[in-house]
C-alpha atoms as a PDB file:
ATOM      1  CA  MET A   1      -1.198  13.956   7.412  1.00  0.00           C
ATOM      2  CA  LEU A   2      -1.550  16.822   5.090  1.00  0.00           C
ATOM      3  CA  ALA A   3      -4.983  18.051   4.700  1.00  0.00           C
ATOM      4  CA  GLY A   4      -7.111  17.937   1.392  1.00  0.00           C
ATOM      5  CA  TRP A   5      -8.158  21.523  -0.282  1.00  0.00           C
ATOM      6  CA  SER A   6     -10.513  22.380  -2.746  1.00  0.00           C
ATOM      7  CA  CYS A   7      -9.778  25.087  -5.621  1.00  0.00           C
ATOM      8  CA  CYS A   8     -11.432  27.428  -6.626  1.00  0.00           C
ATOM      9  CA  THR A   9     -13.952  25.440  -9.304  1.00  0.00           C
ATOM     10  CA  LYS A  10     -17.254  24.382  -7.604  1.00  0.00           C
ATOM     11  CA  LEU A  11     -17.322  20.679  -6.567  1.00  0.00           C
ATOM     12  CA  TYR A  12     -13.931  20.067  -7.754  1.00  0.00           C
ATOM     13  CA  HIS A  13     -11.514  18.659  -5.156  1.00  0.00           C
ATOM     14  CA  VAL A  14      -7.702  18.661  -4.922  1.00  0.00           C
ATOM     15  CA  THR A  15      -6.591  15.553  -2.842  1.00  0.00           C
ATOM     16  CA  ILE A  16      -3.038  16.481  -1.244  1.00  0.00           C
ATOM     17  CA  LEU A  17      -1.526  13.239  -0.528  1.00  0.00           C
ATOM     18  CA  PRO A  18       0.810  11.950   2.479  1.00  0.00           C
ATOM     19  CA  HIS A  19       4.061  11.821   0.795  1.00  0.00           C
ATOM     20  CA  TYR A  20       5.967   9.239   3.535  1.00  0.00           C
ATOM     21  CA  LYS A  21       4.812   5.780   3.750  1.00  0.00           C
ATOM     22  CA  LEU A  22       4.411   3.953   7.145  1.00  0.00           C
ATOM     23  CA  SER A  23       6.309   0.897   7.980  1.00  0.00           C
ATOM     24  CA  GLN A  24       4.874  -1.902  10.275  1.00  0.00           C
ATOM     25  CA  SER A  25       6.231  -0.121  13.625  1.00  0.00           C
ATOM     26  CA  GLY A  26       4.295   3.208  12.236  1.00  0.00           C
ATOM     27  CA  LEU A  27       6.507   5.335  12.330  1.00  0.00           C
ATOM     28  CA  ALA A  28       7.217   7.004   8.609  1.00  0.00           C
ATOM     29  CA  GLN A  29       9.904   6.144   6.486  1.00  0.00           C
ATOM     30  CA  PRO A  30      11.893   7.753   3.410  1.00  0.00           C
ATOM     31  CA  ALA A  31       9.531   6.821   0.144  1.00  0.00           C
ATOM     32  CA  CYS A  32      11.586   5.728  -1.942  1.00  0.00           C
ATOM     33  CA  HIS A  33      15.496   5.267  -2.378  1.00  0.00           C
ATOM     34  CA  LEU A  34      17.847   3.459  -4.770  1.00  0.00           C
ATOM     35  CA  TYR A  35      20.466   1.257  -3.569  1.00  0.00           C
ATOM     36  CA  ALA A  36      22.658  -0.382  -6.340  1.00  0.00           C
ATOM     37  CA  THR A  37      20.121  -2.240  -7.921  1.00  0.00           C
ATOM     38  CA  CYS A  38      17.034  -2.428  -6.243  1.00  0.00           C
ATOM     39  CA  VAL A  39      13.855   0.068  -5.711  1.00  0.00           C
ATOM     40  CA  THR A  40      12.530  -0.218  -1.971  1.00  0.00           C
ATOM     41  CA  ASP A  41       9.027   1.519  -1.019  1.00  0.00           C
ATOM     42  CA  GLN A  42       7.548   3.349  -3.268  1.00  0.00           C
ATOM     43  CA  PRO A  43       6.273   6.793  -1.696  1.00  0.00           C
ATOM     44  CA  ARG A  44       2.016   6.313  -0.740  1.00  0.00           C
ATOM     45  CA  PHE A  45       1.037   9.282  -2.994  1.00  0.00           C
ATOM     46  CA  LEU A  46       1.447   6.794  -6.082  1.00  0.00           C
ATOM     47  CA  ASP A  47      -1.427   4.684  -4.110  1.00  0.00           C
ATOM     48  CA  ALA A  48      -3.643   7.294  -6.338  1.00  0.00           C
ATOM     49  CA  LEU A  49      -2.685   5.459  -9.403  1.00  0.00           C
ATOM     50  CA  GLN A  50      -3.660   2.288  -7.807  1.00  0.00           C
ATOM     51  CA  GLY A  51      -7.044   0.582  -9.012  1.00  0.00           C
ATOM     52  CA  CYS A  52      -7.169   3.109 -12.323  1.00  0.00           C
ATOM     53  CA  TYR A  53      -6.894   0.326 -14.369  1.00  0.00           C
ATOM     54  CA  PRO A  54      -5.438  -3.276 -14.164  1.00  0.00           C
ATOM     55  CA  GLY A  55      -1.811  -2.952 -14.327  1.00  0.00           C
ATOM     56  CA  VAL A  56      -1.548   0.602 -14.398  1.00  0.00           C
ATOM     57  CA  ARG A  57       1.212   1.718 -12.228  1.00  0.00           C
ATOM     58  CA  GLY A  58       4.027   4.577 -11.463  1.00  0.00           C
ATOM     59  CA  GLY A  59       7.301   4.783  -9.933  1.00  0.00           C
ATOM     60  CA  TRP A  60       9.470   7.293  -8.547  1.00  0.00           C
ATOM     61  CA  VAL A  61      13.427   7.361  -7.418  1.00  0.00           C
ATOM     62  CA  GLU A  62      14.676  10.412  -5.366  1.00  0.00           C
ATOM     63  CA  ARG A  63      17.921  11.471  -4.559  1.00  0.00           C
ATOM     64  CA  LEU A  64      20.232   8.578  -4.737  1.00  0.00           C
ATOM     65  CA  PRO A  65      22.360   8.536  -1.222  1.00  0.00           C
ATOM     66  CA  GLY A  66      26.245   7.950  -1.643  1.00  0.00           C
ATOM     67  CA  VAL A  67      26.311   8.767  -5.280  1.00  0.00           C
ATOM     68  CA  PRO A  68      28.337  12.158  -5.623  1.00  0.00           C
ATOM     69  CA  ILE A  69      26.414  14.852  -8.582  1.00  0.00           C
ATOM     70  CA  SER A  70      28.911  17.139  -9.777  1.00  0.00           C
ATOM     71  CA  GLY A  71      28.741  19.564 -12.807  1.00  0.00           C
ATOM     72  CA  GLY A  72      25.334  20.146 -15.173  1.00  0.00           C
ATOM     73  CA  ARG A  73      22.733  17.991 -16.170  1.00  0.00           C
ATOM     74  CA  ASP A  74      24.346  16.039 -19.114  1.00  0.00           C
ATOM     75  CA  GLU A  75      27.152  14.968 -16.419  1.00  0.00           C
ATOM     76  CA  ALA A  76      25.185  13.906 -13.926  1.00  0.00           C
ATOM     77  CA  MET A  77      22.630  11.844 -16.015  1.00  0.00           C
ATOM     78  CA  ARG A  78      25.540  10.040 -16.981  1.00  0.00           C
ATOM     79  CA  THR A  79      26.426   9.479 -13.868  1.00  0.00           C
ATOM     80  CA  LEU A  80      22.735   8.053 -12.656  1.00  0.00           C
ATOM     81  CA  ARG A  81      22.521   6.372 -16.083  1.00  0.00           C
ATOM     82  CA  PRO A  82      23.364   2.907 -14.659  1.00  0.00           C
ATOM     83  CA  TYR A  83      21.217   3.764 -10.979  1.00  0.00           C
ATOM     84  CA  HIS A  84      18.216   4.679 -13.290  1.00  0.00           C
ATOM     85  CA  GLU A  85      18.489   1.882 -15.617  1.00  0.00           C
ATOM     86  CA  ALA A  86      18.424  -0.933 -12.786  1.00  0.00           C
ATOM     87  CA  ALA A  87      15.661   1.069 -11.289  1.00  0.00           C
ATOM     88  CA  VAL A  88      13.716   0.443 -14.746  1.00  0.00           C
ATOM     89  CA  ALA A  89      14.481  -3.042 -14.274  1.00  0.00           C
ATOM     90  CA  ALA A  90      13.067  -3.480 -10.816  1.00  0.00           C
ATOM     91  CA  PHE A  91      10.099  -1.396 -11.847  1.00  0.00           C
ATOM     92  CA  GLY A  92       8.943  -3.651 -15.172  1.00  0.00           C
ATOM     93  CA  SER A  93       7.701  -7.316 -13.938  1.00  0.00           C
ATOM     94  CA  HIS A  94      10.617  -8.636 -17.351  1.00  0.00           C
ATOM     95  CA  PRO A  95      11.634  -6.861 -19.766  1.00  0.00           C
ATOM     96  CA  GLN A  96      10.429  -3.673 -21.036  1.00  0.00           C
ATOM     97  CA  PRO A  97      11.286  -1.197 -23.910  1.00  0.00           C
ATOM     98  CA  TRP A  98      10.856   2.570 -21.605  1.00  0.00           C
ATOM     99  CA  TRP A  99      10.641   5.910 -23.468  1.00  0.00           C
ATOM    100  CA  ARG A 100      12.315   9.139 -22.645  1.00  0.00           C
ATOM    101  CA  ALA A 101      11.107  12.087 -23.539  1.00  0.00           C
ATOM    102  CA  GLU A 102      14.148  14.873 -24.524  1.00  0.00           C
ATOM    103  CA  GLN A 103      12.778  17.567 -21.963  1.00  0.00           C
ATOM    104  CA  VAL A 104      13.177  20.806 -23.862  1.00  0.00           C
ATOM    105  CA  HIS A 105      10.678  22.859 -21.219  1.00  0.00           C
ATOM    106  CA  GLY A 106       8.145  23.079 -24.207  1.00  0.00           C
ATOM    107  CA  SER A 107       4.880  21.655 -24.000  1.00  0.00           C
ATOM    108  CA  ALA A 108       4.478  19.082 -26.930  1.00  0.00           C
ATOM    109  CA  VAL A 109       3.450  15.393 -26.224  1.00  0.00           C
ATOM    110  CA  ALA A 110       4.146  12.587 -27.966  1.00  0.00           C
ATOM    111  CA  CYS A 111       2.777   8.865 -28.880  1.00  0.00           C
ATOM    112  CA  VAL A 112       4.621   5.905 -28.240  1.00  0.00           C
ATOM    113  CA  PRO A 113       5.870   3.147 -29.631  1.00  0.00           C
ATOM    114  CA  ASP A 114       5.291   5.370 -33.027  1.00  0.00           C
ATOM    115  CA  ALA A 115       7.948   7.862 -31.887  1.00  0.00           C
ATOM    116  CA  ALA A 116      10.888   8.520 -33.222  1.00  0.00           C
ATOM    117  CA  GLN A 117      14.267   8.815 -31.821  1.00  0.00           C
ATOM    118  CA  ILE A 118      17.469  10.113 -30.805  1.00  0.00           C
ATOM    119  CA  LEU A 119      20.291   9.778 -29.017  1.00  0.00           C
ATOM    120  CA  ALA A 120      21.310  11.879 -25.807  1.00  0.00           C
ATOM    121  CA  PRO A 121      24.311  12.864 -24.488  1.00  0.00           C
ATOM    122  CA  ASP A 122      24.203   9.972 -21.686  1.00  0.00           C
ATOM    123  CA  GLY A 123      23.847   7.540 -24.547  1.00  0.00           C
ATOM    124  CA  LEU A 124      20.236   6.451 -24.290  1.00  0.00           C
ATOM    125  CA  PRO A 125      17.871   7.047 -26.534  1.00  0.00           C
ATOM    126  CA  VAL A 126      14.870   9.937 -26.043  1.00  0.00           C
ATOM    127  CA  VAL A 127      12.186  10.955 -28.296  1.00  0.00           C
ATOM    128  CA  PRO A 128      12.808  14.513 -29.411  1.00  0.00           C
ATOM    129  CA  GLY A 129      11.382  17.621 -28.862  1.00  0.00           C
ATOM    130  CA  VAL A 130       8.577  16.713 -26.236  1.00  0.00           C
ATOM    131  CA  ASP A 131       7.998  16.927 -22.773  1.00  0.00           C
ATOM    132  CA  GLY A 132       5.256  14.533 -22.105  1.00  0.00           C
ATOM    133  CA  LEU A 133       5.111  10.810 -23.666  1.00  0.00           C
ATOM    134  CA  ILE A 134       1.565   9.044 -23.970  1.00  0.00           C
ATOM    135  CA  THR A 135       0.689   5.192 -24.950  1.00  0.00           C
ATOM    136  CA  ASN A 136      -1.990   2.867 -24.867  1.00  0.00           C
ATOM    137  CA  GLN A 137      -0.086  -0.158 -25.548  1.00  0.00           C
ATOM    138  CA  PRO A 138       0.798  -2.358 -22.415  1.00  0.00           C
ATOM    139  CA  GLY A 139       4.556  -3.150 -21.678  1.00  0.00           C
ATOM    140  CA  GLN A 140       5.794   0.279 -22.989  1.00  0.00           C
ATOM    141  CA  VAL A 141       7.508   2.365 -19.279  1.00  0.00           C
ATOM    142  CA  LEU A 142       7.496   6.220 -19.714  1.00  0.00           C
ATOM    143  CA  ALA A 143      10.111   7.833 -17.987  1.00  0.00           C
ATOM    144  CA  ILE A 144      10.601  12.031 -17.037  1.00  0.00           C
ATOM    145  CA  TYR A 145      13.328  13.214 -15.064  1.00  0.00           C
ATOM    146  CA  VAL A 146      12.603  16.027 -12.913  1.00  0.00           C
ATOM    147  CA  ALA A 147      14.520  18.495 -10.572  1.00  0.00           C
ATOM    148  CA  ASP A 148      12.227  21.023  -8.978  1.00  0.00           C
ATOM    149  CA  CYS A 149       9.981  20.810 -12.146  1.00  0.00           C
ATOM    150  CA  ALA A 150       6.610  18.301 -11.634  1.00  0.00           C
ATOM    151  CA  ALA A 151       6.187  14.904 -13.367  1.00  0.00           C
ATOM    152  CA  ILE A 152       2.301  14.797 -14.044  1.00  0.00           C
ATOM    153  CA  TRP A 153       0.841  10.974 -14.256  1.00  0.00           C
ATOM    154  CA  LEU A 154      -1.822  10.452 -16.340  1.00  0.00           C
ATOM    155  CA  ALA A 155      -4.177   7.271 -16.308  1.00  0.00           C
ATOM    156  CA  ASP A 156      -7.633   6.500 -17.887  1.00  0.00           C
ATOM    157  CA  ARG A 157      -9.635   4.808 -16.049  1.00  0.00           C
ATOM    158  CA  VAL A 158     -11.556   3.173 -18.985  1.00  0.00           C
ATOM    159  CA  SER A 159      -9.115   2.635 -22.003  1.00  0.00           C
ATOM    160  CA  GLY A 160      -6.045   2.025 -20.102  1.00  0.00           C
ATOM    161  CA  ALA A 161      -4.003   4.880 -21.403  1.00  0.00           C
ATOM    162  CA  ILE A 162      -1.540   6.366 -19.585  1.00  0.00           C
ATOM    163  CA  GLY A 163       0.739   9.907 -19.833  1.00  0.00           C
ATOM    164  CA  LEU A 164       3.840  11.467 -18.182  1.00  0.00           C
ATOM    165  CA  LEU A 165       4.581  14.511 -18.461  1.00  0.00           C
ATOM    166  CA  HIS A 166       7.629  17.202 -17.401  1.00  0.00           C
ATOM    167  CA  SER A 167       5.625  20.709 -16.557  1.00  0.00           C
ATOM    168  CA  GLY A 168       8.031  23.065 -14.802  1.00  0.00           C
ATOM    169  CA  LYS A 169       7.009  27.074 -14.887  1.00  0.00           C
ATOM    170  CA  GLN A 170       7.351  26.919 -19.291  1.00  0.00           C
ATOM    171  CA  GLY A 171       5.566  23.610 -19.691  1.00  0.00           C
ATOM    172  CA  THR A 172       2.661  24.668 -17.565  1.00  0.00           C
ATOM    173  CA  ALA A 173       2.399  27.874 -19.298  1.00  0.00           C
ATOM    174  CA  GLY A 174       2.584  26.283 -22.754  1.00  0.00           C
ATOM    175  CA  GLY A 175      -0.609  24.450 -21.423  1.00  0.00           C
ATOM    176  CA  ILE A 176       1.502  20.965 -21.464  1.00  0.00           C
ATOM    177  CA  LEU A 177      -1.396  19.008 -19.734  1.00  0.00           C
ATOM    178  CA  GLU A 178      -4.062  20.126 -21.646  1.00  0.00           C
ATOM    179  CA  ASN A 179      -2.169  19.424 -24.949  1.00  0.00           C
ATOM    180  CA  ALA A 180      -1.567  15.591 -23.369  1.00  0.00           C
ATOM    181  CA  LEU A 181      -5.451  15.770 -22.562  1.00  0.00           C
ATOM    182  CA  ALA A 182      -6.163  16.277 -25.990  1.00  0.00           C
ATOM    183  CA  LEU A 183      -3.841  14.048 -27.699  1.00  0.00           C
ATOM    184  CA  MET A 184      -5.138  11.345 -25.695  1.00  0.00           C
ATOM    185  CA  ALA A 185      -8.920  12.388 -26.579  1.00  0.00           C
ATOM    186  CA  GLN A 186      -7.821  12.635 -30.351  1.00  0.00           C
ATOM    187  CA  THR A 187      -5.559   9.145 -30.368  1.00  0.00           C
ATOM    188  CA  PHE A 188      -7.389   6.867 -27.656  1.00  0.00           C
ATOM    189  CA  GLY A 189     -10.602   8.883 -27.485  1.00  0.00           C
ATOM    190  CA  THR A 190      -9.840   9.332 -23.518  1.00  0.00           C
ATOM    191  CA  ARG A 191     -12.282  11.913 -22.194  1.00  0.00           C
ATOM    192  CA  PRO A 192     -10.897  14.289 -19.454  1.00  0.00           C
ATOM    193  CA  GLY A 193     -13.690  12.822 -16.901  1.00  0.00           C
ATOM    194  CA  ASP A 194     -12.243   9.568 -16.930  1.00  0.00           C
ATOM    195  CA  VAL A 195      -8.632  10.744 -16.242  1.00  0.00           C
ATOM    196  CA  THR A 196      -6.503  10.037 -12.802  1.00  0.00           C
ATOM    197  CA  ALA A 197      -3.911  12.912 -12.585  1.00  0.00           C
ATOM    198  CA  LEU A 198      -0.958  12.823 -10.128  1.00  0.00           C
ATOM    199  CA  LEU A 199       1.352  15.438  -9.420  1.00  0.00           C
ATOM    200  CA  SER A 200       5.073  14.736  -8.191  1.00  0.00           C
ATOM    201  CA  PRO A 201       7.095  17.096  -5.516  1.00  0.00           C
ATOM    202  CA  CYS A 202       7.956  20.086  -6.960  1.00  0.00           C
ATOM    203  CA  ILE A 203       9.349  23.354  -5.728  1.00  0.00           C
ATOM    204  CA  ARG A 204       6.878  25.681  -4.552  1.00  0.00           C
ATOM    205  CA  PRO A 205       6.502  28.993  -3.120  1.00  0.00           C
ATOM    206  CA  PRO A 206       8.297  29.897  -0.736  1.00  0.00           C
ATOM    207  CA  ASP A 207      11.331  28.366  -2.342  1.00  0.00           C
ATOM    208  CA  TYR A 208      10.171  29.823  -6.005  1.00  0.00           C
ATOM    209  CA  GLU A 209       8.261  32.827  -7.369  1.00  0.00           C
ATOM    210  CA  VAL A 210       5.747  30.839  -9.309  1.00  0.00           C
ATOM    211  CA  ASP A 211       3.255  28.689  -7.999  1.00  0.00           C
ATOM    212  CA  PHE A 212       2.827  26.312 -10.720  1.00  0.00           C
ATOM    213  CA  ALA A 213       1.961  23.658  -9.119  1.00  0.00           C
ATOM    214  CA  ALA A 214      -1.639  25.686  -8.267  1.00  0.00           C
ATOM    215  CA  GLN A 215      -1.288  26.338 -11.763  1.00  0.00           C
ATOM    216  CA  ILE A 216      -1.038  22.694 -13.102  1.00  0.00           C
ATOM    217  CA  ALA A 217      -4.661  22.120 -10.659  1.00  0.00           C
ATOM    218  CA  ARG A 218      -6.903  24.952 -12.167  1.00  0.00           C
ATOM    219  CA  GLN A 219      -5.758  23.424 -15.601  1.00  0.00           C
ATOM    220  CA  ALA A 220      -7.062  20.408 -14.438  1.00  0.00           C
ATOM    221  CA  ALA A 221     -10.278  21.619 -13.525  1.00  0.00           C
ATOM    222  CA  ARG A 222     -10.665  23.608 -16.234  1.00  0.00           C
ATOM    223  CA  ALA A 223     -10.303  20.388 -18.750  1.00  0.00           C
ATOM    224  CA  GLY A 224     -12.627  18.173 -16.490  1.00  0.00           C
ATOM    225  CA  VAL A 225      -9.988  15.797 -14.896  1.00  0.00           C
ATOM    226  CA  GLY A 226     -11.958  13.723 -13.096  1.00  0.00           C
ATOM    227  CA  GLU A 227      -9.488  12.610 -10.330  1.00  0.00           C
ATOM    228  CA  TYR A 228      -6.325  14.967  -9.336  1.00  0.00           C
ATOM    229  CA  TYR A 229      -4.118  14.308  -6.400  1.00  0.00           C
ATOM    230  CA  ASP A 230      -1.003  15.889  -5.287  1.00  0.00           C
ATOM    231  CA  SER A 231       1.721  14.873  -3.649  1.00  0.00           C
ATOM    232  CA  GLY A 232       2.178  18.155  -1.448  1.00  0.00           C
ATOM    233  CA  ALA A 233       6.031  17.829  -1.204  1.00  0.00           C
ATOM    234  CA  ASN A 234       8.289  20.540  -2.032  1.00  0.00           C
ATOM    235  CA  THR A 235      11.650  19.581  -3.542  1.00  0.00           C
ATOM    236  CA  ALA A 236      13.656  22.501  -2.249  1.00  0.00           C
ATOM    237  CA  ALA A 237      12.312  22.188   1.046  1.00  0.00           C
ATOM    238  CA  ASP A 238      14.283  19.031   1.486  1.00  0.00           C
ATOM    239  CA  ILE A 239      17.200  18.319  -0.644  1.00  0.00           C
ATOM    240  CA  SER A 240      18.275  14.917   1.692  1.00  0.00           C
ATOM    241  CA  ARG A 241      15.362  13.351  -0.290  1.00  0.00           C
ATOM    242  CA  PHE A 242      15.161  15.621  -3.418  1.00  0.00           C
ATOM    243  CA  TYR A 243      17.580  17.138  -5.829  1.00  0.00           C
ATOM    244  CA  SER A 244      16.550  20.858  -6.278  1.00  0.00           C
ATOM    245  CA  TYR A 245      17.918  22.969  -9.148  1.00  0.00           C
ATOM    246  CA  ARG A 246      17.270  26.112  -7.665  1.00  0.00           C
ATOM    247  CA  ILE A 247      18.891  25.050  -4.133  1.00  0.00           C
ATOM    248  CA  GLU A 248      21.382  23.895  -5.546  1.00  0.00           C
ATOM    249  CA  LYS A 249      22.566  26.314  -8.496  1.00  0.00           C
ATOM    250  CA  GLY A 250      22.214  23.503 -11.372  1.00  0.00           C
ATOM    251  CA  GLN A 251      24.945  21.193 -10.313  1.00  0.00           C
ATOM    252  CA  THR A 252      22.491  18.589  -9.433  1.00  0.00           C
ATOM    253  CA  GLY A 253      20.895  15.217 -10.117  1.00  0.00           C
ATOM    254  CA  ARG A 254      17.617  14.397 -11.252  1.00  0.00           C
ATOM    255  CA  MET A 255      14.376  12.347 -10.242  1.00  0.00           C
ATOM    256  CA  LEU A 256      13.163   9.520 -11.915  1.00  0.00           C
ATOM    257  CA  ALA A 257       9.307   9.038 -12.941  1.00  0.00           C
ATOM    258  CA  LEU A 258       7.800   5.952 -14.400  1.00  0.00           C
ATOM    259  CA  ALA A 259       4.668   4.965 -15.562  1.00  0.00           C
ATOM    260  CA  VAL A 260       3.399   1.769 -17.076  1.00  0.00           C
ATOM    261  CA  ARG A 261       0.675  -0.264 -18.233  1.00  0.00           C
ATOM    262  CA  ASP A 262       2.215  -3.944 -17.319  1.00  0.00           C
ATOM    263  CA  CYS A 263       1.605  -6.550 -19.839  1.00  0.00           C
ATOM    264  CA  SER A 264      -0.715  -9.470 -19.237  1.00  0.00           C
ATOM    265  CA  PRO A 265       0.465 -12.390 -17.317  1.00  0.00           C
END
């Protein structure tokens, strides 16, 4: 189990969570894999979102074993599309719309379901020009793809508003986390102290020269985020489980991060 550590801001604690889910036998098992049409156990780091607000959940799909990936991003996304669509179907308790950001390595954030969409090269719609999505509407599935960059889940423990961000070197430098918190405050009345934030597996030193995971933690502390959690996993250190753009020189797939606030039964 990984130990927690404190960042430089006094009284602010960053918790690094274990990335493996334990089986009944007590042995560590891979966190999440998609086999054709179903999603198995989710990684333990997503437990940080449990209890934030009724119905708020996160999802995470890692490298798909046995699915060959070649070419650049567009070709990889077309290959992965049926598997990720199956993951979204399994993630929702009933048919739900899902929203994807275009992901242009920027720091803009959009609110759904009011945002406009365009068609992406893989044939599915995306919200153009943004790398983050927020909503306070139940039943809206948010989706972000990553392959070394980080996904950041946000959950307002008071209002139930949620967010999902794509934050790599450029998005972090541009302050996408702070932009999302500002938009949530403006749109939903969210207070940073009521927010739980969770960082996905991402590339980290020594495999990358920029420690943007540490930068995101510091940004969360400065913004006054009430609870911050880090999966602690390095995507470049285990390409049997993760896609890594850096290690695989761009010829790779994408992990899929999901967030939803379920509709009331």
